[in-house]
Protein backbone atom coordinates (compact mmCIF):
# COMPACT_ATOMS: atom_id res chain seq x y z
CA MET A 1 -160.06 45.48 -91.61
CA ASP A 2 -160.72 42.74 -89.05
CA GLU A 3 -161.11 44.19 -85.55
CA VAL A 4 -159.23 42.19 -82.91
CA SER A 5 -158.93 44.51 -79.91
CA ASN A 6 -161.38 46.50 -77.78
CA THR A 7 -158.73 48.19 -75.66
CA PRO A 8 -159.48 51.94 -75.43
CA GLY A 9 -157.15 53.96 -77.63
CA ARG A 10 -155.82 50.91 -79.42
CA VAL A 11 -157.34 49.39 -82.53
CA GLY A 12 -156.24 46.01 -83.83
CA GLY A 13 -156.57 44.59 -87.29
CA ARG A 14 -155.01 42.40 -89.95
CA VAL A 15 -153.70 43.05 -93.42
CA THR A 16 -152.92 40.42 -96.02
CA SER A 17 -149.40 40.18 -97.35
CA ARG A 18 -148.68 39.49 -101.01
CA ASP A 19 -148.39 35.72 -100.47
CA GLY A 20 -151.68 35.59 -98.57
CA THR A 21 -150.20 35.62 -95.07
CA PRO A 22 -152.34 37.52 -92.52
CA ILE A 23 -150.29 40.09 -90.62
CA ALA A 24 -151.71 41.35 -87.33
CA TYR A 25 -151.18 44.93 -86.20
CA GLU A 26 -152.14 47.48 -83.56
CA ARG A 27 -152.74 51.18 -84.18
CA TYR A 28 -152.96 54.02 -81.67
CA GLY A 29 -152.53 57.78 -81.63
CA GLU A 30 -153.21 60.49 -84.18
CA GLY A 31 -150.86 62.22 -86.58
CA PRO A 32 -148.33 61.29 -89.26
CA PRO A 33 -148.01 57.50 -89.64
CA LEU A 34 -145.14 55.65 -87.96
CA VAL A 35 -144.58 51.89 -88.19
CA LEU A 36 -142.66 50.04 -85.45
CA VAL A 37 -140.66 46.99 -86.58
CA SER A 38 -139.69 44.60 -83.78
CA GLY A 39 -136.40 42.80 -83.43
CA ALA A 40 -135.67 39.17 -82.56
CA LEU A 41 -138.44 37.59 -80.45
CA GLY A 42 -140.37 40.88 -80.46
CA THR A 43 -144.09 41.38 -81.07
CA ALA A 44 -146.45 44.32 -81.42
CA ALA A 45 -147.25 44.07 -77.71
CA GLY A 46 -143.60 44.66 -76.86
CA GLY A 47 -143.72 48.05 -78.54
CA ARG A 48 -146.67 49.44 -76.60
CA ALA A 49 -144.65 51.42 -74.05
CA LEU A 50 -142.66 53.24 -76.72
CA GLY A 51 -145.65 53.46 -79.05
CA GLY A 52 -147.80 54.96 -76.32
CA LEU A 53 -145.30 57.78 -75.82
CA LEU A 54 -144.99 58.42 -79.57
CA ALA A 55 -148.77 58.33 -80.00
CA ARG A 56 -148.91 61.89 -78.67
CA ARG A 57 -147.56 63.06 -82.04
CA PHE A 58 -147.96 60.12 -84.44
CA SER A 59 -150.39 57.50 -85.61
CA VAL A 60 -148.36 54.49 -84.46
CA VAL A 61 -148.75 51.08 -86.06
CA ALA A 62 -146.96 48.12 -84.47
CA TYR A 63 -147.26 44.70 -86.04
CA ASP A 64 -146.44 41.06 -85.41
CA ARG A 65 -143.82 39.91 -87.88
CA ARG A 66 -144.72 36.63 -89.57
CA GLY A 67 -144.62 33.63 -87.29
CA ARG A 68 -145.31 35.76 -84.22
CA GLY A 69 -148.39 36.70 -82.22
CA GLY A 70 -151.49 36.98 -84.36
CA SER A 71 -149.71 36.80 -87.73
CA GLY A 72 -149.51 33.81 -90.03
CA ASP A 73 -146.39 31.96 -91.08
CA THR A 74 -146.71 30.83 -94.69
CA GLY A 75 -143.68 28.89 -95.86
CA PRO A 76 -141.11 28.69 -97.17
CA TYR A 77 -139.57 31.68 -95.45
CA ALA A 78 -137.70 34.33 -97.42
CA VAL A 79 -136.57 37.82 -96.47
CA GLU A 80 -138.47 39.07 -99.52
CA ARG A 81 -141.72 37.85 -97.91
CA GLU A 82 -140.94 39.84 -94.75
CA ILE A 83 -140.38 42.92 -96.88
CA GLU A 84 -143.77 42.34 -98.51
CA ASP A 85 -145.31 42.03 -95.03
CA LEU A 86 -143.86 45.40 -94.05
CA ALA A 87 -145.06 46.92 -97.31
CA ALA A 88 -148.61 45.73 -96.55
CA VAL A 89 -148.44 47.28 -93.08
CA VAL A 90 -147.11 50.57 -94.47
CA GLY A 91 -149.99 50.54 -96.96
CA GLU A 92 -152.40 50.26 -94.05
CA ALA A 93 -150.58 52.85 -91.93
CA GLY A 94 -150.58 55.51 -94.65
CA ALA A 95 -148.46 56.75 -97.51
CA GLY A 96 -145.01 57.96 -96.55
CA ALA A 97 -145.06 56.29 -93.13
CA ALA A 98 -141.84 56.61 -91.18
CA LEU A 99 -140.20 53.45 -89.87
CA TYR A 100 -138.54 52.63 -86.56
CA GLY A 101 -136.87 49.27 -86.05
CA GLU A 102 -135.11 47.76 -83.05
CA GLY A 103 -132.27 45.27 -83.49
CA THR A 104 -132.96 43.07 -86.49
CA GLY A 105 -136.12 45.08 -87.07
CA GLY A 106 -133.91 48.03 -88.01
CA ALA A 107 -132.01 45.86 -90.49
CA LEU A 108 -135.30 44.69 -91.98
CA ALA A 109 -136.64 48.24 -92.30
CA LEU A 110 -133.49 49.37 -94.11
CA ALA A 111 -133.55 46.33 -96.41
CA ALA A 112 -137.17 47.08 -97.29
CA VAL A 113 -136.41 50.69 -98.21
CA ALA A 114 -133.38 49.57 -100.21
CA ALA A 115 -135.69 47.17 -102.08
CA GLY A 116 -137.97 50.03 -103.08
CA LEU A 117 -140.48 50.40 -100.24
CA GLU A 118 -141.68 53.99 -100.26
CA ALA A 119 -141.38 55.17 -96.69
CA GLY A 120 -140.49 58.36 -94.89
CA ALA A 121 -137.57 58.72 -92.54
CA VAL A 122 -136.09 55.61 -90.91
CA ALA A 123 -134.72 55.23 -87.39
CA ALA A 124 -132.87 52.13 -86.20
CA TYR A 125 -131.70 51.15 -82.74
CA GLU A 126 -128.64 48.89 -82.65
CA PRO A 127 -129.05 46.77 -85.79
CA PRO A 128 -126.74 43.84 -84.91
CA TYR A 129 -124.33 43.94 -87.83
CA SER A 130 -121.05 42.54 -86.56
CA ALA A 131 -118.48 39.92 -87.51
CA GLU A 132 -117.88 39.54 -83.77
CA ALA A 133 -121.34 37.99 -83.37
CA ALA A 134 -120.81 35.51 -86.23
CA GLU A 135 -119.97 32.49 -84.08
CA ARG A 136 -123.06 32.90 -81.88
CA ARG A 137 -125.25 33.27 -84.96
CA ARG A 138 -123.66 30.19 -86.50
CA GLN A 139 -124.30 28.09 -83.39
CA VAL A 140 -127.91 29.25 -83.17
CA GLY A 141 -128.38 28.42 -86.84
CA VAL A 142 -126.96 24.92 -86.39
CA LEU A 143 -129.34 24.18 -83.53
CA LEU A 144 -132.30 25.45 -85.54
CA GLY A 145 -131.22 23.32 -88.49
CA GLU A 146 -131.09 20.28 -86.21
CA GLY A 147 -134.70 20.88 -85.20
CA ARG A 148 -133.79 22.06 -81.70
CA PRO A 149 -135.45 25.49 -81.50
CA LEU A 150 -135.57 25.60 -77.69
CA ALA A 151 -131.86 24.84 -77.44
CA ALA A 152 -131.24 27.58 -80.00
CA LEU A 153 -133.37 29.93 -77.92
CA ASP A 154 -131.45 29.09 -74.75
CA LEU A 155 -128.17 29.82 -76.50
CA PHE A 156 -129.51 33.07 -77.91
CA LEU A 157 -130.73 34.22 -74.49
CA ALA A 158 -127.78 32.89 -72.48
CA ASP A 159 -125.95 36.22 -72.69
CA PRO A 160 -127.61 39.52 -71.71
CA ALA A 161 -126.30 41.13 -74.90
CA SER A 162 -127.35 38.26 -77.14
CA ALA A 163 -130.30 40.17 -78.54
CA SER A 164 -127.58 41.87 -80.56
CA GLY A 165 -124.79 39.31 -80.30
CA PRO A 166 -122.50 37.52 -77.86
CA ARG A 167 -120.32 38.89 -75.15
CA PRO A 168 -116.70 38.06 -76.11
CA GLY A 169 -115.71 34.62 -74.82
CA VAL A 170 -119.26 33.42 -74.11
CA THR A 171 -119.94 30.42 -76.35
CA GLU A 172 -121.20 27.57 -74.19
CA LEU A 173 -124.84 26.53 -73.99
CA ARG A 174 -126.67 27.30 -70.76
CA PRO A 175 -129.92 25.29 -70.88
CA GLY A 176 -133.07 26.63 -69.30
CA VAL A 177 -132.52 30.35 -69.85
CA ALA A 178 -135.64 30.50 -72.05
CA GLU A 179 -137.70 29.53 -69.02
CA LEU A 180 -136.87 32.94 -67.53
CA ARG A 181 -138.56 34.68 -70.47
CA PRO A 182 -142.24 33.58 -70.47
CA GLY A 183 -143.93 33.60 -73.86
CA VAL A 184 -140.81 33.41 -76.00
CA ALA A 185 -140.61 29.63 -76.48
CA GLU A 186 -143.23 29.65 -79.24
CA LEU A 187 -141.17 32.28 -81.08
CA ALA A 188 -137.94 30.27 -81.08
CA HIS A 189 -138.30 29.15 -84.70
CA THR A 190 -138.39 32.79 -85.85
CA LEU A 191 -134.75 33.22 -84.86
CA ALA A 192 -133.99 31.64 -88.24
CA TYR A 193 -135.82 34.55 -89.87
CA ASP A 194 -133.68 37.10 -88.07
CA LEU A 195 -130.53 35.25 -89.08
CA ALA A 196 -131.69 35.39 -92.70
CA VAL A 197 -132.33 39.14 -92.46
CA LEU A 198 -128.76 39.68 -91.21
CA GLY A 199 -127.16 37.52 -93.91
CA ASP A 200 -123.46 37.10 -93.12
CA GLY A 201 -123.80 39.68 -90.35
CA THR A 202 -121.61 42.35 -91.90
CA VAL A 203 -122.91 45.77 -92.93
CA PRO A 204 -124.35 45.31 -96.46
CA GLU A 205 -122.79 48.42 -97.96
CA ARG A 206 -123.96 47.88 -101.54
CA LEU A 207 -127.54 47.32 -100.39
CA LEU A 208 -127.57 50.29 -98.04
CA ALA A 209 -126.23 52.60 -100.75
CA ARG A 210 -129.75 52.39 -102.23
CA VAL A 211 -131.38 53.84 -99.09
CA HIS A 212 -131.98 57.49 -99.86
CA ALA A 213 -134.35 58.23 -96.99
CA ARG A 214 -133.04 60.14 -94.00
CA VAL A 215 -131.84 57.68 -91.35
CA LEU A 216 -131.07 58.00 -87.66
CA VAL A 217 -128.86 55.24 -86.23
CA VAL A 218 -128.98 55.04 -82.44
CA ASP A 219 -127.05 52.98 -79.92
CA GLY A 220 -126.72 52.81 -76.15
CA GLY A 221 -123.69 54.18 -74.35
CA ALA A 222 -123.69 51.19 -71.97
CA SER A 223 -123.96 48.60 -74.75
CA PRO A 224 -120.89 46.53 -75.74
CA ALA A 225 -118.21 48.37 -77.70
CA TRP A 226 -118.81 46.26 -80.81
CA THR A 227 -122.38 47.59 -80.90
CA ARG A 228 -121.03 51.15 -81.24
CA ARG A 229 -118.66 50.05 -83.99
CA ALA A 230 -121.56 48.44 -85.84
CA ALA A 231 -123.67 51.59 -85.52
CA LEU A 232 -120.87 53.78 -86.83
CA ALA A 233 -120.19 51.43 -89.76
CA LEU A 234 -123.89 51.39 -90.60
CA THR A 235 -124.07 55.18 -90.48
CA ALA A 236 -121.07 55.49 -92.80
CA ALA A 237 -122.65 53.11 -95.32
CA LEU A 238 -125.89 55.09 -95.62
CA PRO A 239 -126.11 58.10 -97.97
CA ARG A 240 -128.15 60.28 -95.57
CA ALA A 241 -127.57 59.11 -92.02
CA ARG A 242 -126.60 60.50 -88.66
CA HIS A 243 -125.54 58.71 -85.49
CA ARG A 244 -126.66 59.23 -81.90
CA THR A 245 -125.54 57.53 -78.70
CA LEU A 246 -127.88 57.52 -75.70
CA THR A 247 -125.81 57.82 -72.53
CA GLY A 248 -126.35 55.02 -70.03
CA GLN A 249 -128.62 52.96 -72.26
CA THR A 250 -128.19 49.29 -73.18
CA HIS A 251 -129.82 47.15 -75.87
CA GLU A 252 -132.94 47.21 -73.67
CA VAL A 253 -133.37 50.92 -74.22
CA ALA A 254 -135.74 52.84 -71.94
CA PRO A 255 -138.78 54.02 -73.93
CA HIS A 256 -138.94 57.38 -72.13
CA VAL A 257 -135.32 58.08 -73.15
CA LEU A 258 -135.72 56.98 -76.75
CA ALA A 259 -139.13 58.49 -77.52
CA PRO A 260 -138.13 62.19 -77.50
CA VAL A 261 -135.08 61.44 -79.68
CA LEU A 262 -137.27 59.72 -82.27
CA GLU A 263 -139.91 62.43 -82.03
CA ASP A 264 -137.39 65.20 -82.67
CA PHE A 265 -135.88 63.37 -85.65
CA LEU A 266 -139.18 62.43 -87.26
CA THR A 267 -140.76 65.83 -86.64
CA GLU A 268 -137.73 67.51 -88.18
CA ASP A 269 -138.16 65.32 -91.26
CA ARG A 270 -141.83 66.26 -91.63
CA GLU A 271 -141.14 69.96 -91.15
CA THR A 272 -138.45 69.80 -93.83
CA VAL A 273 -140.86 68.15 -96.27
CA GLU A 274 -143.66 70.65 -95.57
CA ALA A 275 -141.30 73.60 -96.03
CA ALA A 276 -140.03 72.33 -99.39
């Protein structure tokens, strides 16, 4: 392990993915292993507030997905490489690590388990499966394909709900929005990776039928209605899933609201395993 952080209570390191890409991570807390998977434009640093709360009960590992933060970005990109990255992080975190993913990170975590990654329970907050977001995703993809990542980023960030998808009727480009989010410009190219993870944007029922881990699907009560529909459709497609709505929460969920929900779910899973 390559030490990269001297912050008290937080240890940093890197693991090597199957294709040789270095993947940076942070670990803090003691207990059963839990890996945090960030969504679009997210990094390990963005998970520290939630991870710090969960570290009271778990050994939390948050990592930079490829192309972000301290991780490498070996090309060409493929979703399979991201799954291998996550597998390498789980190997470092510990056998049977639980997974929590936000937004596209939840979709990636579920795809990894469906592909055979051995993990414990999985929790996902608002994976953005929705046909209603298809036009926004298409426009972002066109801009990325034209070599205009900052324009794609502006379009993605133009709507407050665009981390999951567009607000109905909002389609025009509003340049300069990215300037309001310091540090995200260098991550603009990774939006293409999130688009690839989502595929056509609909719930991949045949893929998810292979996920036999226990899953908690969570959404915010103040998020757009299509987000709730996506969460319910995702829950229905999974063999062992339950759904939970957090009253008053949006896509930018408050860590102190989410943490106890995740803790209860993941602790219940561990107690069930130990009693078996």
